[in-house]
Amino acid sequence: MRGPKHNETQAPPATAEHGYRSGASAARETELIARIAKGDRRAFEELYNLYHRRLARFLTRLTRRYDVAEEVINDTFWIVWKKAGDFRGESQPSTWILGIAYRRARNAFRSSARTGSAENLDALLEPPTSDEPMRTEELRDWLLQGLVQLPVEQRLAVELCYELGYSCEEISAIMGCPVNTVKTRLFHARAKLQKLLPVLGGSAAPPGESRGKT
């Protein structure tokens, strides 16, 4: 089942994720999922509209391929439609839905790599729109480039933690792995980004190259 049509997947301005996860919102989303389990298409459309922007922001921080992001979102909601009856309320609705999206995104990125269309900086990162971008824009661009170079699980963990504001315990439920595994992935991701950012910013030579080499 395809979600309501969107012309283009776009990442909206970042907002505090905890605002989405208030008690009232969670109760409403739980009610919608229960109605979806009974085949209620209006409830499905409402839930889709609630989550499309959130998922778009999450996914388009990981890839500039809007078609891939949209495919993951549609796959996610196809599973929500089919599996709504399996949701027992043992976790937050957002944790359950993000867990599905995480698995679909991981599979999509791995499939892309296997078919030889692995994501790379030239294909996925847009060039700066100004010859002299502001420092904050430069830093954001470097961070995006660094994220692309992380392993999939580390990349997704960083986005769930720092962009969407989930705790390690919540990320553990989303990723289906122990909390310590989440912490390890975040630790290694931070360590790699600390090494990558100076290189991307031009303050250090890439491994195996000398600054003076022409």
C-alpha atoms as a PDB file:
ATOM      1  CA  MET A   1       0.000   0.000   0.000  1.00  0.00           C
ATOM      2  CA  ARG A   2       1.448   3.314  -1.027  1.00  0.00           C
ATOM      3  CA  GLY A   3       1.200   6.328   1.223  1.00  0.00           C
ATOM      4  CA  PRO A   4      -0.586   9.541   0.218  1.00  0.00           C
ATOM      5  CA  LYS A   5       1.267  11.064  -2.708  1.00  0.00           C
ATOM      6  CA  HIS A   6       4.033  13.585  -2.054  1.00  0.00           C
ATOM      7  CA  ASN A   7       5.661  15.367  -4.943  1.00  0.00           C
ATOM      8  CA  GLU A   8       9.092  15.248  -3.366  1.00  0.00           C
ATOM      9  CA  THR A   9      10.681  14.053  -0.186  1.00  0.00           C
ATOM     10  CA  GLN A  10      12.193  17.065   1.519  1.00  0.00           C
ATOM     11  CA  ALA A  11      13.859  17.474   4.871  1.00  0.00           C
ATOM     12  CA  PRO A  12      12.056  20.192   6.838  1.00  0.00           C
ATOM     13  CA  PRO A  13      13.829  22.421   9.353  1.00  0.00           C
ATOM     14  CA  ALA A  14      14.955  20.511  12.429  1.00  0.00           C
ATOM     15  CA  THR A  15      12.564  20.643  15.362  1.00  0.00           C
ATOM     16  CA  ALA A  16      12.703  19.140  18.828  1.00  0.00           C
ATOM     17  CA  GLU A  17      11.789  15.489  18.476  1.00  0.00           C
ATOM     18  CA  HIS A  18      10.531  15.298  22.034  1.00  0.00           C
ATOM     19  CA  GLY A  19       7.681  17.566  20.974  1.00  0.00           C
ATOM     20  CA  TYR A  20       6.454  14.772  18.742  1.00  0.00           C
ATOM     21  CA  ARG A  21       6.610  12.259  21.540  1.00  0.00           C
ATOM     22  CA  SER A  22       4.387  13.810  24.205  1.00  0.00           C
ATOM     23  CA  GLY A  23       2.049  11.560  26.117  1.00  0.00           C
ATOM     24  CA  ALA A  24      -0.975  12.879  24.239  1.00  0.00           C
ATOM     25  CA  SER A  25       0.713  12.319  20.875  1.00  0.00           C
ATOM     26  CA  ALA A  26       1.742   8.782  21.791  1.00  0.00           C
ATOM     27  CA  ALA A  27      -1.791   7.971  22.919  1.00  0.00           C
ATOM     28  CA  ARG A  28      -3.217   9.336  19.676  1.00  0.00           C
ATOM     29  CA  GLU A  29      -0.716   7.389  17.584  1.00  0.00           C
ATOM     30  CA  THR A  30      -1.492   4.194  19.506  1.00  0.00           C
ATOM     31  CA  GLU A  31      -5.170   4.735  18.754  1.00  0.00           C
ATOM     32  CA  LEU A  32      -4.410   5.277  15.066  1.00  0.00           C
ATOM     33  CA  ILE A  33      -2.376   2.070  14.880  1.00  0.00           C
ATOM     34  CA  ALA A  34      -5.238   0.147  16.482  1.00  0.00           C
ATOM     35  CA  ARG A  35      -7.615   1.534  13.858  1.00  0.00           C
ATOM     36  CA  ILE A  36      -5.160   0.724  11.071  1.00  0.00           C
ATOM     37  CA  ALA A  37      -5.087  -2.874  12.310  1.00  0.00           C
ATOM     38  CA  LYS A  38      -8.833  -2.949  11.521  1.00  0.00           C
ATOM     39  CA  GLY A  39      -8.259  -1.614   8.001  1.00  0.00           C
ATOM     40  CA  ASP A  40      -9.045   2.058   8.661  1.00  0.00           C
ATOM     41  CA  ARG A  41      -7.515   3.945   5.729  1.00  0.00           C
ATOM     42  CA  ARG A  42      -8.260   7.388   7.184  1.00  0.00           C
ATOM     43  CA  ALA A  43      -6.261   6.475  10.291  1.00  0.00           C
ATOM     44  CA  PHE A  44      -3.450   5.256   8.031  1.00  0.00           C
ATOM     45  CA  GLU A  45      -3.415   8.551   6.143  1.00  0.00           C
ATOM     46  CA  GLU A  46      -3.301  10.538   9.383  1.00  0.00           C
ATOM     47  CA  LEU A  47      -0.406   8.498  10.755  1.00  0.00           C
ATOM     48  CA  TYR A  48       1.428   8.754   7.440  1.00  0.00           C
ATOM     49  CA  ASN A  49       1.107  12.525   7.475  1.00  0.00           C
ATOM     50  CA  LEU A  50       2.309  12.664  11.080  1.00  0.00           C
ATOM     51  CA  TYR A  51       5.467  10.704  10.280  1.00  0.00           C
ATOM     52  CA  HIS A  52       6.365  11.562   6.705  1.00  0.00           C
ATOM     53  CA  ARG A  53       8.228  14.759   7.638  1.00  0.00           C
ATOM     54  CA  ARG A  54      10.013  13.076  10.534  1.00  0.00           C
ATOM     55  CA  LEU A  55      11.160  10.149   8.417  1.00  0.00           C
ATOM     56  CA  ALA A  56      12.118  12.446   5.540  1.00  0.00           C
ATOM     57  CA  ARG A  57      14.353  14.490   7.837  1.00  0.00           C
ATOM     58  CA  PHE A  58      15.946  11.320   9.212  1.00  0.00           C
ATOM     59  CA  LEU A  59      16.560   9.727   5.808  1.00  0.00           C
ATOM     60  CA  THR A  60      17.637  12.789   3.839  1.00  0.00           C
ATOM     61  CA  ARG A  61      20.368  13.384   6.399  1.00  0.00           C
ATOM     62  CA  LEU A  62      21.729  10.002   5.318  1.00  0.00           C
ATOM     63  CA  THR A  63      21.241  10.254   1.558  1.00  0.00           C
ATOM     64  CA  ARG A  64      20.542  13.022  -0.942  1.00  0.00           C
ATOM     65  CA  ARG A  65      18.767  10.441  -3.104  1.00  0.00           C
ATOM     66  CA  TYR A  66      15.190  11.562  -2.506  1.00  0.00           C
ATOM     67  CA  ASP A  67      13.910   8.614  -4.518  1.00  0.00           C
ATOM     68  CA  VAL A  68      15.635   6.194  -2.139  1.00  0.00           C
ATOM     69  CA  ALA A  69      14.315   8.060   0.905  1.00  0.00           C
ATOM     70  CA  GLU A  70      10.780   8.036  -0.490  1.00  0.00           C
ATOM     71  CA  GLU A  71      11.035   4.324  -1.269  1.00  0.00           C
ATOM     72  CA  VAL A  72      12.103   3.603   2.305  1.00  0.00           C
ATOM     73  CA  ILE A  73       9.218   5.676   3.672  1.00  0.00           C
ATOM     74  CA  ASN A  74       6.691   3.875   1.477  1.00  0.00           C
ATOM     75  CA  ASP A  75       8.155   0.475   2.393  1.00  0.00           C
ATOM     76  CA  THR A  76       7.967   1.435   6.052  1.00  0.00           C
ATOM     77  CA  PHE A  77       4.303   2.334   5.858  1.00  0.00           C
ATOM     78  CA  TRP A  78       3.466  -0.739   3.819  1.00  0.00           C
ATOM     79  CA  ILE A  79       4.785  -2.753   6.767  1.00  0.00           C
ATOM     80  CA  VAL A  80       2.892  -0.547   9.239  1.00  0.00           C
ATOM     81  CA  TRP A  81      -0.301  -1.253   7.285  1.00  0.00           C
ATOM     82  CA  LYS A  82       0.330  -5.002   7.204  1.00  0.00           C
ATOM     83  CA  LYS A  83       1.694  -5.393  10.740  1.00  0.00           C
ATOM     84  CA  ALA A  84      -0.340  -2.862  12.741  1.00  0.00           C
ATOM     85  CA  GLY A  85      -2.080  -5.713  14.533  1.00  0.00           C
ATOM     86  CA  ASP A  86       1.292  -6.858  15.901  1.00  0.00           C
ATOM     87  CA  PHE A  87       1.842  -3.599  17.791  1.00  0.00           C
ATOM     88  CA  ARG A  88       1.118  -4.290  21.476  1.00  0.00           C
ATOM     89  CA  GLY A  89       2.028  -0.929  22.964  1.00  0.00           C
ATOM     90  CA  GLU A  90       5.112  -2.314  24.701  1.00  0.00           C
ATOM     91  CA  SER A  91       7.125   0.573  23.223  1.00  0.00           C
ATOM     92  CA  GLN A  92       6.322   4.069  22.014  1.00  0.00           C
ATOM     93  CA  PRO A  93       4.653   4.144  18.569  1.00  0.00           C
ATOM     94  CA  SER A  94       7.561   6.281  17.316  1.00  0.00           C
ATOM     95  CA  THR A  95      10.061   3.648  18.480  1.00  0.00           C
ATOM     96  CA  TRP A  96       8.156   0.919  16.638  1.00  0.00           C
ATOM     97  CA  ILE A  97       7.833   2.922  13.413  1.00  0.00           C
ATOM     98  CA  LEU A  98      11.454   4.154  13.491  1.00  0.00           C
ATOM     99  CA  GLY A  99      12.545   0.548  14.055  1.00  0.00           C
ATOM    100  CA  ILE A 100      10.825  -0.455  10.830  1.00  0.00           C
ATOM    101  CA  ALA A 101      12.308   2.531   8.985  1.00  0.00           C
ATOM    102  CA  TYR A 102      15.775   1.719  10.342  1.00  0.00           C
ATOM    103  CA  ARG A 103      15.645  -1.842   9.019  1.00  0.00           C
ATOM    104  CA  ARG A 104      14.318  -0.743   5.630  1.00  0.00           C
ATOM    105  CA  ALA A 105      16.986   1.987   5.334  1.00  0.00           C
ATOM    106  CA  ARG A 106      19.774  -0.395   6.332  1.00  0.00           C
ATOM    107  CA  ASN A 107      18.626  -2.903   3.718  1.00  0.00           C
ATOM    108  CA  ALA A 108      18.294  -0.205   1.054  1.00  0.00           C
ATOM    109  CA  PHE A 109      21.793   1.146   1.670  1.00  0.00           C
ATOM    110  CA  ARG A 110      23.335  -2.335   1.703  1.00  0.00           C
ATOM    111  CA  SER A 111      21.483  -3.290  -1.476  1.00  0.00           C
ATOM    112  CA  SER A 112      22.766  -0.114  -3.106  1.00  0.00           C
ATOM    113  CA  ALA A 113      26.325  -1.062  -2.187  1.00  0.00           C
ATOM    114  CA  ARG A 114      25.938  -4.623  -3.498  1.00  0.00           C
ATOM    115  CA  THR A 115      24.663  -3.441  -6.883  1.00  0.00           C
ATOM    116  CA  GLY A 116      27.626  -1.145  -7.304  1.00  0.00           C
ATOM    117  CA  SER A 117      25.668   2.063  -6.771  1.00  0.00           C
ATOM    118  CA  ALA A 118      27.027   2.681  -3.309  1.00  0.00           C
ATOM    119  CA  GLU A 119      26.516   6.182  -2.059  1.00  0.00           C
ATOM    120  CA  ASN A 120      29.441   8.500  -2.618  1.00  0.00           C
ATOM    121  CA  LEU A 121      30.205  12.116  -2.061  1.00  0.00           C
ATOM    122  CA  ASP A 122      30.022  13.193  -5.708  1.00  0.00           C
ATOM    123  CA  ALA A 123      26.589  11.638  -6.275  1.00  0.00           C
ATOM    124  CA  LEU A 124      24.926  12.457  -2.989  1.00  0.00           C
ATOM    125  CA  LEU A 125      26.336  15.697  -1.652  1.00  0.00           C
ATOM    126  CA  GLU A 126      25.329  18.922  -3.327  1.00  0.00           C
ATOM    127  CA  PRO A 127      28.065  21.506  -3.944  1.00  0.00           C
ATOM    128  CA  PRO A 128      27.997  24.738  -1.896  1.00  0.00           C
ATOM    129  CA  THR A 129      25.685  27.384  -3.340  1.00  0.00           C
ATOM    130  CA  SER A 130      28.106  30.185  -2.493  1.00  0.00           C
ATOM    131  CA  ASP A 131      31.841  30.656  -3.064  1.00  0.00           C
ATOM    132  CA  GLU A 132      32.184  31.768   0.538  1.00  0.00           C
ATOM    133  CA  PRO A 133      29.665  29.788   2.607  1.00  0.00           C
ATOM    134  CA  MET A 134      29.146  30.701   6.217  1.00  0.00           C
ATOM    135  CA  ARG A 135      31.183  28.751   8.730  1.00  0.00           C
ATOM    136  CA  THR A 136      28.115  26.959  10.081  1.00  0.00           C
ATOM    137  CA  GLU A 137      27.174  25.813   6.577  1.00  0.00           C
ATOM    138  CA  GLU A 138      30.709  24.568   5.992  1.00  0.00           C
ATOM    139  CA  LEU A 139      30.648  22.618   9.227  1.00  0.00           C
ATOM    140  CA  ARG A 140      27.269  21.099   8.363  1.00  0.00           C
ATOM    141  CA  ASP A 141      28.545  20.109   4.910  1.00  0.00           C
ATOM    142  CA  TRP A 142      31.647  18.494   6.412  1.00  0.00           C
ATOM    143  CA  LEU A 143      29.495  16.627   8.903  1.00  0.00           C
ATOM    144  CA  LEU A 144      27.264  15.300   6.128  1.00  0.00           C
ATOM    145  CA  GLN A 145      30.313  14.154   4.187  1.00  0.00           C
ATOM    146  CA  GLY A 146      31.693  12.485   7.289  1.00  0.00           C
ATOM    147  CA  LEU A 147      28.405  10.686   7.972  1.00  0.00           C
ATOM    148  CA  VAL A 148      28.353   9.234   4.460  1.00  0.00           C
ATOM    149  CA  GLN A 149      31.726   7.612   5.145  1.00  0.00           C
ATOM    150  CA  LEU A 150      30.577   5.853   8.335  1.00  0.00           C
ATOM    151  CA  PRO A 151      29.310   2.256   8.332  1.00  0.00           C
ATOM    152  CA  VAL A 152      25.526   2.098   7.980  1.00  0.00           C
ATOM    153  CA  GLU A 153      24.801   1.114  11.587  1.00  0.00           C
ATOM    154  CA  GLN A 154      27.004   3.893  12.983  1.00  0.00           C
ATOM    155  CA  ARG A 155      25.511   6.455  10.614  1.00  0.00           C
ATOM    156  CA  LEU A 156      21.963   5.568  11.598  1.00  0.00           C
ATOM    157  CA  ALA A 157      22.809   5.540  15.311  1.00  0.00           C
ATOM    158  CA  VAL A 158      24.289   9.048  15.084  1.00  0.00           C
ATOM    159  CA  GLU A 159      21.188  10.379  13.329  1.00  0.00           C
ATOM    160  CA  LEU A 160      18.795   8.747  15.800  1.00  0.00           C
ATOM    161  CA  CYS A 161      20.747  10.124  18.750  1.00  0.00           C
ATOM    162  CA  TYR A 162      21.841  13.599  17.696  1.00  0.00           C
ATOM    163  CA  GLU A 163      19.267  14.564  15.056  1.00  0.00           C
ATOM    164  CA  LEU A 164      16.099  12.932  16.418  1.00  0.00           C
ATOM    165  CA  GLY A 165      17.036  13.000  20.099  1.00  0.00           C
ATOM    166  CA  TYR A 166      16.448   9.354  21.014  1.00  0.00           C
ATOM    167  CA  SER A 167      18.126   7.899  24.101  1.00  0.00           C
ATOM    168  CA  CYS A 168      20.480   4.918  23.891  1.00  0.00           C
ATOM    169  CA  GLU A 169      17.713   2.743  25.356  1.00  0.00           C
ATOM    170  CA  GLU A 170      15.263   3.873  22.671  1.00  0.00           C
ATOM    171  CA  ILE A 171      17.846   3.414  19.921  1.00  0.00           C
ATOM    172  CA  SER A 172      18.471  -0.070  21.283  1.00  0.00           C
ATOM    173  CA  ALA A 173      14.779  -0.884  20.767  1.00  0.00           C
ATOM    174  CA  ILE A 174      14.757   0.688  17.293  1.00  0.00           C
ATOM    175  CA  MET A 175      17.896  -1.132  16.151  1.00  0.00           C
ATOM    176  CA  GLY A 176      17.107  -4.375  17.920  1.00  0.00           C
ATOM    177  CA  CYS A 177      20.464  -4.592  19.652  1.00  0.00           C
ATOM    178  CA  PRO A 178      21.816  -4.258  23.226  1.00  0.00           C
ATOM    179  CA  VAL A 179      22.264  -0.779  24.718  1.00  0.00           C
ATOM    180  CA  ASN A 180      26.012  -1.353  24.987  1.00  0.00           C
ATOM    181  CA  THR A 181      26.135  -2.024  21.245  1.00  0.00           C
ATOM    182  CA  VAL A 182      24.476   1.348  20.623  1.00  0.00           C
ATOM    183  CA  LYS A 183      26.983   3.068  22.887  1.00  0.00           C
ATOM    184  CA  THR A 184      29.862   1.321  21.106  1.00  0.00           C
ATOM    185  CA  ARG A 185      28.567   2.385  17.695  1.00  0.00           C
ATOM    186  CA  LEU A 186      28.235   5.992  18.853  1.00  0.00           C
ATOM    187  CA  PHE A 187      31.719   5.925  20.388  1.00  0.00           C
ATOM    188  CA  HIS A 188      33.340   4.648  17.192  1.00  0.00           C
ATOM    189  CA  ALA A 189      31.280   7.053  15.061  1.00  0.00           C
ATOM    190  CA  ARG A 190      32.410  10.039  17.128  1.00  0.00           C
ATOM    191  CA  ALA A 191      36.029   8.877  16.951  1.00  0.00           C
ATOM    192  CA  LYS A 192      35.883   8.523  13.161  1.00  0.00           C
ATOM    193  CA  LEU A 193      34.169  11.885  12.709  1.00  0.00           C
ATOM    194  CA  GLN A 194      36.817  13.581  14.858  1.00  0.00           C
ATOM    195  CA  LYS A 195      39.445  12.248  12.446  1.00  0.00           C
ATOM    196  CA  LEU A 196      37.447  12.959   9.292  1.00  0.00           C
ATOM    197  CA  LEU A 197      36.332  16.541   9.964  1.00  0.00           C
ATOM    198  CA  PRO A 198      39.845  18.090   9.918  1.00  0.00           C
ATOM    199  CA  VAL A 199      40.555  16.264   6.634  1.00  0.00           C
ATOM    200  CA  LEU A 200      37.297  17.416   5.062  1.00  0.00           C
ATOM    201  CA  GLY A 201      37.962  20.942   6.260  1.00  0.00           C
ATOM    202  CA  GLY A 202      41.389  20.964   4.629  1.00  0.00           C
ATOM    203  CA  SER A 203      43.374  21.209   7.871  1.00  0.00           C
ATOM    204  CA  ALA A 204      44.929  17.773   7.528  1.00  0.00           C
ATOM    205  CA  ALA A 205      46.065  15.574   4.686  1.00  0.00           C
ATOM    206  CA  PRO A 206      44.092  12.431   3.883  1.00  0.00           C
ATOM    207  CA  PRO A 207      45.704   9.192   5.065  1.00  0.00           C
ATOM    208  CA  GLY A 208      48.642   8.177   2.908  1.00  0.00           C
ATOM    209  CA  GLU A 209      49.134  11.648   1.447  1.00  0.00           C
ATOM    210  CA  SER A 210      51.574  14.386   2.324  1.00  0.00           C
ATOM    211  CA  ARG A 211      50.484  18.005   2.602  1.00  0.00           C
ATOM    212  CA  GLY A 212      53.385  19.043   0.433  1.00  0.00           C
ATOM    213  CA  LYS A 213      52.777  16.428  -2.251  1.00  0.00           C
ATOM    214  CA  THR A 214      51.697  17.686  -5.691  1.00  0.00           C
END
